Amino acid sequence: QVQLVESGGGLVQAGGSLRLSCAASGRTFSRYTMGWFRQTPGKEREFVAAISWSGGSTYYPDSVKGRCTISRDNTKNTGYLQMNSLKPEDTAVYYCAADSKTVTLLYITGSADYWGQGTQVTVSS
């Protein structure tokens, strides 16, 4: 089992920045691909970013590419999502996920073995 706890969400004005953190405990976090997803009420969960276990591979959809950076520190069992130039449409609950699949498969399937409880990000216009 891997337990994931997100933090760092909040209210920010459009154009601002936030850094989300995902603290992992349990089984060895460094063995898993880590991803971030987001969801708003009435919509499907949306993939935001993913990073391989080593940090050597990342992937972003066009909706956030250039504005978001995913990273991880395996010595601290923590992953991060730096979000810049935030837009009101980025408002959502953001979830951290960990999975044994590759970055590409995590993006394609949108499913993961482990999920955090989510952190709310609200971007005001």
Protein backbone atom coordinates (compact mmCIF):
# COMPACT_ATOMS: atom_id res chain seq x y z
CA GLN A 1 0.00 0.00 0.00
CA VAL A 2 1.00 3.57 -0.69
CA GLN A 3 -0.69 6.42 1.12
CA LEU A 4 -0.69 9.79 -0.63
CA VAL A 5 -1.52 13.13 0.93
CA GLU A 6 -1.76 16.28 -1.16
CA SER A 7 -1.24 19.80 0.10
CA GLY A 8 -0.65 23.28 -1.25
CA GLY A 9 -4.01 24.00 -2.80
CA GLY A 10 -5.83 27.25 -2.21
CA LEU A 11 -7.28 30.37 -3.73
CA VAL A 12 -5.15 32.34 -6.18
CA GLN A 13 -5.78 35.07 -8.70
CA ALA A 14 -5.51 34.44 -12.39
CA GLY A 15 -1.90 34.66 -13.49
CA GLY A 16 -0.65 33.50 -10.12
CA SER A 17 1.22 30.37 -9.11
CA LEU A 18 0.82 27.45 -6.75
CA ARG A 19 2.97 24.49 -5.87
CA LEU A 20 1.17 21.33 -4.88
CA SER A 21 2.90 18.64 -2.87
CA CYS A 22 2.17 14.95 -2.59
CA ALA A 23 3.63 13.21 0.43
CA ALA A 24 3.86 9.44 0.16
CA SER A 25 4.19 6.79 2.83
CA GLY A 26 4.02 3.04 2.88
CA ARG A 27 5.63 1.02 0.13
CA THR A 28 8.62 2.44 -1.66
CA PHE A 29 7.40 5.55 -3.43
CA SER A 30 10.47 5.69 -5.63
CA ARG A 31 9.37 2.55 -7.47
CA TYR A 32 6.20 4.16 -8.80
CA THR A 33 5.29 6.50 -11.59
CA MET A 34 3.60 9.54 -10.09
CA GLY A 35 0.88 11.58 -11.68
CA TRP A 36 -1.43 14.50 -11.08
CA PHE A 37 -5.05 14.59 -12.17
CA ARG A 38 -7.83 17.10 -11.65
CA GLN A 39 -11.58 17.01 -11.58
CA THR A 40 -14.43 19.50 -11.44
CA PRO A 41 -18.03 18.62 -10.55
CA GLY A 42 -19.87 16.99 -13.43
CA LYS A 43 -16.74 16.43 -15.49
CA GLU A 44 -14.47 13.48 -16.00
CA ARG A 45 -11.15 13.34 -14.26
CA GLU A 46 -8.47 15.00 -16.37
CA PHE A 47 -4.81 14.05 -16.61
CA VAL A 48 -2.45 16.91 -15.73
CA ALA A 49 1.07 15.52 -15.58
CA ALA A 50 3.12 12.42 -14.86
CA ILE A 51 6.72 11.63 -13.99
CA SER A 52 8.60 8.35 -14.08
CA TRP A 53 10.07 6.76 -10.99
CA SER A 54 13.51 8.16 -11.79
CA GLY A 55 12.27 11.57 -12.82
CA GLY A 56 13.76 11.07 -16.24
CA SER A 57 10.50 11.07 -18.14
CA THR A 58 7.59 13.46 -17.89
CA TYR A 59 4.43 14.07 -19.85
CA TYR A 60 1.93 16.93 -20.02
CA PRO A 61 -1.20 17.46 -22.08
CA ASP A 62 -1.42 20.57 -24.22
CA SER A 63 -3.81 22.19 -21.76
CA VAL A 64 -1.04 22.68 -19.17
CA LYS A 65 2.16 22.28 -21.16
CA GLY A 66 4.48 25.20 -20.52
CA ARG A 67 2.59 26.24 -17.39
CA CYS A 68 3.03 23.20 -15.17
CA THR A 69 6.12 21.34 -14.04
CA ILE A 70 6.03 18.00 -12.28
CA SER A 71 8.96 16.88 -10.15
CA ARG A 72 9.78 14.51 -7.35
CA ASP A 73 12.25 14.05 -4.54
CA ASN A 74 12.53 10.35 -3.80
CA THR A 75 14.70 11.02 -0.77
CA LYS A 76 11.72 12.82 0.76
CA ASN A 77 9.04 10.54 -0.72
CA THR A 78 7.39 13.63 -2.10
CA GLY A 79 6.17 14.76 -5.48
CA TYR A 80 5.37 18.25 -6.63
CA LEU A 81 3.34 20.09 -9.23
CA GLN A 82 4.39 23.67 -9.90
CA MET A 83 1.62 25.58 -11.63
CA ASN A 84 2.21 29.01 -13.15
CA SER A 85 0.09 31.45 -15.13
CA LEU A 86 -3.00 29.94 -13.61
CA LYS A 87 -6.33 30.42 -15.33
CA PRO A 88 -9.88 30.21 -13.95
CA GLU A 89 -10.34 27.01 -15.97
CA ASP A 90 -7.61 25.42 -13.86
CA THR A 91 -10.01 25.47 -10.92
CA ALA A 92 -10.52 21.88 -9.76
CA VAL A 93 -9.71 19.34 -7.11
CA TYR A 94 -6.21 18.07 -7.81
CA TYR A 95 -5.33 14.48 -7.06
CA CYS A 96 -1.97 12.82 -6.75
CA ALA A 97 -1.63 9.24 -8.00
CA ALA A 98 1.00 6.53 -7.91
CA ASP A 99 1.13 3.54 -10.17
CA SER A 100 3.44 0.87 -11.49
CA LYS A 101 2.60 1.72 -15.11
CA THR A 102 4.76 3.88 -17.32
CA VAL A 103 4.14 7.59 -17.77
CA THR A 104 2.53 6.96 -21.15
CA LEU A 105 0.18 4.27 -19.89
CA LEU A 106 -0.82 6.34 -16.89
CA TYR A 107 -1.80 9.12 -19.29
CA ILE A 108 -3.61 6.75 -21.69
CA THR A 109 -5.54 4.77 -19.08
CA GLY A 110 -6.14 7.47 -16.48
CA SER A 111 -6.18 4.78 -13.85
CA ALA A 112 -3.79 4.31 -10.96
CA ASP A 113 -3.22 1.93 -8.10
CA TYR A 114 -3.11 4.62 -5.43
CA TRP A 115 -4.81 7.99 -5.05
CA GLY A 116 -4.66 10.84 -2.60
CA GLN A 117 -7.72 12.54 -1.15
CA GLY A 118 -7.33 15.67 -3.29
CA THR A 119 -6.63 19.34 -2.71
CA GLN A 120 -8.80 22.18 -3.97
CA VAL A 121 -7.34 24.77 -6.31
CA THR A 122 -9.47 27.81 -7.04
CA VAL A 123 -8.37 30.46 -9.53
CA SER A 124 -10.30 33.70 -9.47
CA SER A 125 -10.61 35.96 -12.49
